[in-house]
């Protein structure tokens, strides 16, 4: 059974970008094709939920090869996009005193609930579950057309 949604669609303006791709790149280290997020739509002060997005396009770098003739957005890239959103949130809420790199620490409770094909906007929502000195865990969800299509718990750590 799907988890309760982190994102309240009635209270979130999905048309208003509060941080651009350039703003995201000031915080996270991923570049080029692996800089997956295109913008932040909400960085909820009260809800503690951050919301970002990626437009899934037929001309994306992965589309020709995954799967030829029927491109399907890879689950590994859903996880990566959500991890980048969690990393951005962690760094903005907990500004480091020195330069650090955050890497994957693990994944739990991962579920892919739908096939995602080009021509849609995938909206990601993340919320911190546990934050420690050198490690954090976030609940992460992905939505297409307000439908939950992906969820996971993502662990990050200072490497």
C-alpha atoms as a PDB file:
ATOM      1  CA  UNK A   1       0.000   0.000   0.000  1.00  0.00           C
ATOM      2  CA  UNK A   2       1.394   3.461  -0.893  1.00  0.00           C
ATOM      3  CA  UNK A   3       2.533   5.712   1.896  1.00  0.00           C
ATOM      4  CA  UNK A   4       0.775   8.907   2.871  1.00  0.00           C
ATOM      5  CA  UNK A   5       1.792  11.660   0.468  1.00  0.00           C
ATOM      6  CA  UNK A   6       4.513  14.033   1.633  1.00  0.00           C
ATOM      7  CA  UNK A   7       3.212  16.618  -0.825  1.00  0.00           C
ATOM      8  CA  UNK A   8      -0.067  18.444  -0.237  1.00  0.00           C
ATOM      9  CA  UNK A   9      -1.085  19.361  -3.777  1.00  0.00           C
ATOM     10  CA  UNK A  10      -3.735  21.786  -2.524  1.00  0.00           C
ATOM     11  CA  UNK A  11      -1.157  23.865  -0.617  1.00  0.00           C
ATOM     12  CA  UNK A  12       1.752  23.737  -3.090  1.00  0.00           C
ATOM     13  CA  UNK A  13       2.037  26.013  -6.112  1.00  0.00           C
ATOM     14  CA  UNK A  14       3.563  23.722  -8.735  1.00  0.00           C
ATOM     15  CA  UNK A  15       3.975  26.576 -11.222  1.00  0.00           C
ATOM     16  CA  UNK A  16       6.219  28.811  -9.095  1.00  0.00           C
ATOM     17  CA  UNK A  17       9.949  28.042  -9.136  1.00  0.00           C
ATOM     18  CA  UNK A  18      11.656  29.204  -5.928  1.00  0.00           C
ATOM     19  CA  UNK A  19      15.145  27.958  -6.879  1.00  0.00           C
ATOM     20  CA  UNK A  20      16.482  27.440 -10.396  1.00  0.00           C
ATOM     21  CA  UNK A  21      18.842  24.795 -11.728  1.00  0.00           C
ATOM     22  CA  UNK A  22      21.676  27.309 -11.239  1.00  0.00           C
ATOM     23  CA  UNK A  23      20.683  27.753  -7.586  1.00  0.00           C
ATOM     24  CA  UNK A  24      20.688  23.979  -7.120  1.00  0.00           C
ATOM     25  CA  UNK A  25      24.152  23.680  -8.686  1.00  0.00           C
ATOM     26  CA  UNK A  26      25.511  26.132  -6.111  1.00  0.00           C
ATOM     27  CA  UNK A  27      24.766  23.501  -3.458  1.00  0.00           C
ATOM     28  CA  UNK A  28      25.185  20.049  -5.014  1.00  0.00           C
ATOM     29  CA  UNK A  29      28.199  18.578  -6.813  1.00  0.00           C
ATOM     30  CA  UNK A  30      26.525  16.647  -9.654  1.00  0.00           C
ATOM     31  CA  UNK A  31      27.126  18.169 -13.088  1.00  0.00           C
ATOM     32  CA  UNK A  32      26.358  17.573 -16.739  1.00  0.00           C
ATOM     33  CA  UNK A  33      23.921  14.790 -17.437  1.00  0.00           C
ATOM     34  CA  UNK A  34      23.819  13.815 -13.775  1.00  0.00           C
ATOM     35  CA  UNK A  35      22.528  17.184 -12.595  1.00  0.00           C
ATOM     36  CA  UNK A  36      18.960  15.896 -12.782  1.00  0.00           C
ATOM     37  CA  UNK A  37      16.823  18.497 -11.017  1.00  0.00           C
ATOM     38  CA  UNK A  38      15.531  21.452 -12.986  1.00  0.00           C
ATOM     39  CA  UNK A  39      14.083  23.492 -10.166  1.00  0.00           C
ATOM     40  CA  UNK A  40      12.719  23.714  -6.643  1.00  0.00           C
ATOM     41  CA  UNK A  41       9.010  24.464  -6.310  1.00  0.00           C
ATOM     42  CA  UNK A  42       8.725  24.687  -2.539  1.00  0.00           C
ATOM     43  CA  UNK A  43      11.137  24.663   0.374  1.00  0.00           C
ATOM     44  CA  UNK A  44       8.543  24.448   3.114  1.00  0.00           C
ATOM     45  CA  UNK A  45       9.536  26.202   6.298  1.00  0.00           C
ATOM     46  CA  UNK A  46       6.544  24.844   8.213  1.00  0.00           C
ATOM     47  CA  UNK A  47       6.022  21.496   6.509  1.00  0.00           C
ATOM     48  CA  UNK A  48       9.764  20.733   6.276  1.00  0.00           C
ATOM     49  CA  UNK A  49       9.001  19.217   2.848  1.00  0.00           C
ATOM     50  CA  UNK A  50      11.082  20.251  -0.138  1.00  0.00           C
ATOM     51  CA  UNK A  51       9.582  19.883  -3.611  1.00  0.00           C
ATOM     52  CA  UNK A  52      11.557  19.787  -6.853  1.00  0.00           C
ATOM     53  CA  UNK A  53      11.002  18.666 -10.423  1.00  0.00           C
ATOM     54  CA  UNK A  54      12.428  17.123 -13.551  1.00  0.00           C
ATOM     55  CA  UNK A  55      10.785  17.296 -16.950  1.00  0.00           C
ATOM     56  CA  UNK A  56      11.039  13.857 -18.539  1.00  0.00           C
ATOM     57  CA  UNK A  57      11.809  14.434 -22.235  1.00  0.00           C
ATOM     58  CA  UNK A  58      12.199  12.178 -25.258  1.00  0.00           C
ATOM     59  CA  UNK A  59      15.544  13.855 -26.028  1.00  0.00           C
ATOM     60  CA  UNK A  60      17.000  13.150 -22.552  1.00  0.00           C
ATOM     61  CA  UNK A  61      20.376  11.383 -22.692  1.00  0.00           C
ATOM     62  CA  UNK A  62      19.009   8.063 -21.398  1.00  0.00           C
ATOM     63  CA  UNK A  63      15.892   7.896 -23.604  1.00  0.00           C
ATOM     64  CA  UNK A  64      17.395   6.388 -26.757  1.00  0.00           C
ATOM     65  CA  UNK A  65      18.834   3.390 -24.922  1.00  0.00           C
ATOM     66  CA  UNK A  66      16.348   2.738 -22.101  1.00  0.00           C
ATOM     67  CA  UNK A  67      14.301   1.108 -23.726  1.00  0.00           C
ATOM     68  CA  UNK A  68      14.741   1.407 -27.553  1.00  0.00           C
ATOM     69  CA  UNK A  69      11.374   2.115 -29.117  1.00  0.00           C
ATOM     70  CA  UNK A  70       9.719   2.692 -25.723  1.00  0.00           C
ATOM     71  CA  UNK A  71      11.771   5.000 -23.508  1.00  0.00           C
ATOM     72  CA  UNK A  72      11.173   4.459 -19.799  1.00  0.00           C
ATOM     73  CA  UNK A  73      12.705   6.790 -17.197  1.00  0.00           C
ATOM     74  CA  UNK A  74      15.090   4.557 -15.197  1.00  0.00           C
ATOM     75  CA  UNK A  75      14.309   3.874 -11.566  1.00  0.00           C
ATOM     76  CA  UNK A  76      17.964   4.469 -10.709  1.00  0.00           C
ATOM     77  CA  UNK A  77      17.607   8.029 -12.022  1.00  0.00           C
ATOM     78  CA  UNK A  78      14.439   8.539  -9.965  1.00  0.00           C
ATOM     79  CA  UNK A  79      16.460   7.584  -6.896  1.00  0.00           C
ATOM     80  CA  UNK A  80      19.332   9.858  -7.962  1.00  0.00           C
ATOM     81  CA  UNK A  81      17.027  12.851  -8.551  1.00  0.00           C
ATOM     82  CA  UNK A  82      15.404  12.347  -5.147  1.00  0.00           C
ATOM     83  CA  UNK A  83      18.831  12.024  -3.518  1.00  0.00           C
ATOM     84  CA  UNK A  84      19.919  15.295  -5.125  1.00  0.00           C
ATOM     85  CA  UNK A  85      16.794  16.994  -3.757  1.00  0.00           C
ATOM     86  CA  UNK A  86      17.474  15.607  -0.265  1.00  0.00           C
ATOM     87  CA  UNK A  87      21.112  16.726  -0.520  1.00  0.00           C
ATOM     88  CA  UNK A  88      20.085  20.239  -1.541  1.00  0.00           C
ATOM     89  CA  UNK A  89      17.644  20.409   1.372  1.00  0.00           C
ATOM     90  CA  UNK A  90      20.202  19.108   3.868  1.00  0.00           C
ATOM     91  CA  UNK A  91      22.847  21.623   2.753  1.00  0.00           C
ATOM     92  CA  UNK A  92      20.467  24.602   2.774  1.00  0.00           C
ATOM     93  CA  UNK A  93      19.061  23.746   6.205  1.00  0.00           C
ATOM     94  CA  UNK A  94      22.464  22.772   7.654  1.00  0.00           C
ATOM     95  CA  UNK A  95      25.073  24.999   5.976  1.00  0.00           C
ATOM     96  CA  UNK A  96      28.483  23.394   6.440  1.00  0.00           C
ATOM     97  CA  UNK A  97      31.344  25.385   7.944  1.00  0.00           C
ATOM     98  CA  UNK A  98      33.722  23.876   5.387  1.00  0.00           C
ATOM     99  CA  UNK A  99      33.355  22.224   1.992  1.00  0.00           C
ATOM    100  CA  UNK A 100      31.911  18.717   2.232  1.00  0.00           C
ATOM    101  CA  UNK A 101      30.742  16.034  -0.165  1.00  0.00           C
ATOM    102  CA  UNK A 102      27.569  14.098   0.536  1.00  0.00           C
ATOM    103  CA  UNK A 103      27.305  10.590  -0.886  1.00  0.00           C
ATOM    104  CA  UNK A 104      24.807   7.746  -0.841  1.00  0.00           C
ATOM    105  CA  UNK A 105      24.682   5.855   2.430  1.00  0.00           C
ATOM    106  CA  UNK A 106      21.874   3.471   1.505  1.00  0.00           C
ATOM    107  CA  UNK A 107      18.297   2.952   0.397  1.00  0.00           C
ATOM    108  CA  UNK A 108      15.309   1.382   2.113  1.00  0.00           C
ATOM    109  CA  UNK A 109      11.671   0.753   1.254  1.00  0.00           C
ATOM    110  CA  UNK A 110      12.119   1.533  -2.454  1.00  0.00           C
ATOM    111  CA  UNK A 111       9.008   1.101  -4.596  1.00  0.00           C
ATOM    112  CA  UNK A 112       8.399   1.957  -8.244  1.00  0.00           C
ATOM    113  CA  UNK A 113       4.675   2.166  -8.812  1.00  0.00           C
ATOM    114  CA  UNK A 114       4.394   3.149 -12.470  1.00  0.00           C
ATOM    115  CA  UNK A 115       6.275   3.301 -15.755  1.00  0.00           C
ATOM    116  CA  UNK A 116       7.359   6.868 -16.537  1.00  0.00           C
ATOM    117  CA  UNK A 117       7.565   7.784 -20.209  1.00  0.00           C
ATOM    118  CA  UNK A 118       8.718  11.075 -21.767  1.00  0.00           C
ATOM    119  CA  UNK A 119       6.375  14.016 -21.996  1.00  0.00           C
ATOM    120  CA  UNK A 120       5.632  14.451 -18.296  1.00  0.00           C
ATOM    121  CA  UNK A 121       6.894  16.463 -15.359  1.00  0.00           C
ATOM    122  CA  UNK A 122       8.011  14.348 -12.432  1.00  0.00           C
ATOM    123  CA  UNK A 123       7.653  16.137  -9.113  1.00  0.00           C
ATOM    124  CA  UNK A 124       9.772  14.959  -6.187  1.00  0.00           C
ATOM    125  CA  UNK A 125       9.102  15.585  -2.495  1.00  0.00           C
ATOM    126  CA  UNK A 126      11.525  14.902   0.345  1.00  0.00           C
ATOM    127  CA  UNK A 127      11.344  15.266   4.098  1.00  0.00           C
ATOM    128  CA  UNK A 128      14.058  14.652   6.677  1.00  0.00           C
ATOM    129  CA  UNK A 129      13.371  11.706   8.957  1.00  0.00           C
ATOM    130  CA  UNK A 130      16.688  11.678  10.858  1.00  0.00           C
ATOM    131  CA  UNK A 131      19.591  14.126  10.766  1.00  0.00           C
ATOM    132  CA  UNK A 132      22.848  13.373  12.552  1.00  0.00           C
ATOM    133  CA  UNK A 133      26.254  15.002  12.468  1.00  0.00           C
ATOM    134  CA  UNK A 134      27.571  12.984   9.510  1.00  0.00           C
ATOM    135  CA  UNK A 135      24.471  11.193   8.198  1.00  0.00           C
ATOM    136  CA  UNK A 136      20.854  11.853   7.262  1.00  0.00           C
ATOM    137  CA  UNK A 137      17.780   9.900   6.180  1.00  0.00           C
ATOM    138  CA  UNK A 138      15.008  11.380   4.063  1.00  0.00           C
ATOM    139  CA  UNK A 139      11.634  10.067   2.987  1.00  0.00           C
ATOM    140  CA  UNK A 140      11.363  10.641  -0.769  1.00  0.00           C
ATOM    141  CA  UNK A 141       8.455  10.391  -3.180  1.00  0.00           C
ATOM    142  CA  UNK A 142       7.945  11.033  -6.882  1.00  0.00           C
ATOM    143  CA  UNK A 143       4.692  12.027  -8.549  1.00  0.00           C
ATOM    144  CA  UNK A 144       3.397  12.301 -12.094  1.00  0.00           C
ATOM    145  CA  UNK A 145       0.016  13.963 -12.588  1.00  0.00           C
ATOM    146  CA  UNK A 146      -0.452  13.902  -8.790  1.00  0.00           C
ATOM    147  CA  UNK A 147      -0.077  10.114  -8.728  1.00  0.00           C
ATOM    148  CA  UNK A 148       2.557   8.540  -6.489  1.00  0.00           C
ATOM    149  CA  UNK A 149       4.925   6.680  -8.827  1.00  0.00           C
ATOM    150  CA  UNK A 150       8.030   6.213  -6.668  1.00  0.00           C
ATOM    151  CA  UNK A 151       8.992   6.210  -2.993  1.00  0.00           C
ATOM    152  CA  UNK A 152      12.060   5.424  -0.920  1.00  0.00           C
ATOM    153  CA  UNK A 153      14.047   6.223   2.179  1.00  0.00           C
ATOM    154  CA  UNK A 154      17.372   7.711   1.151  1.00  0.00           C
ATOM    155  CA  UNK A 155      20.403   7.826   3.412  1.00  0.00           C
ATOM    156  CA  UNK A 156      23.204  10.269   2.794  1.00  0.00           C
ATOM    157  CA  UNK A 157      26.510  10.705   4.554  1.00  0.00           C
ATOM    158  CA  UNK A 158      29.455  13.026   4.594  1.00  0.00           C
ATOM    159  CA  UNK A 159      32.210  11.337   2.615  1.00  0.00           C
END
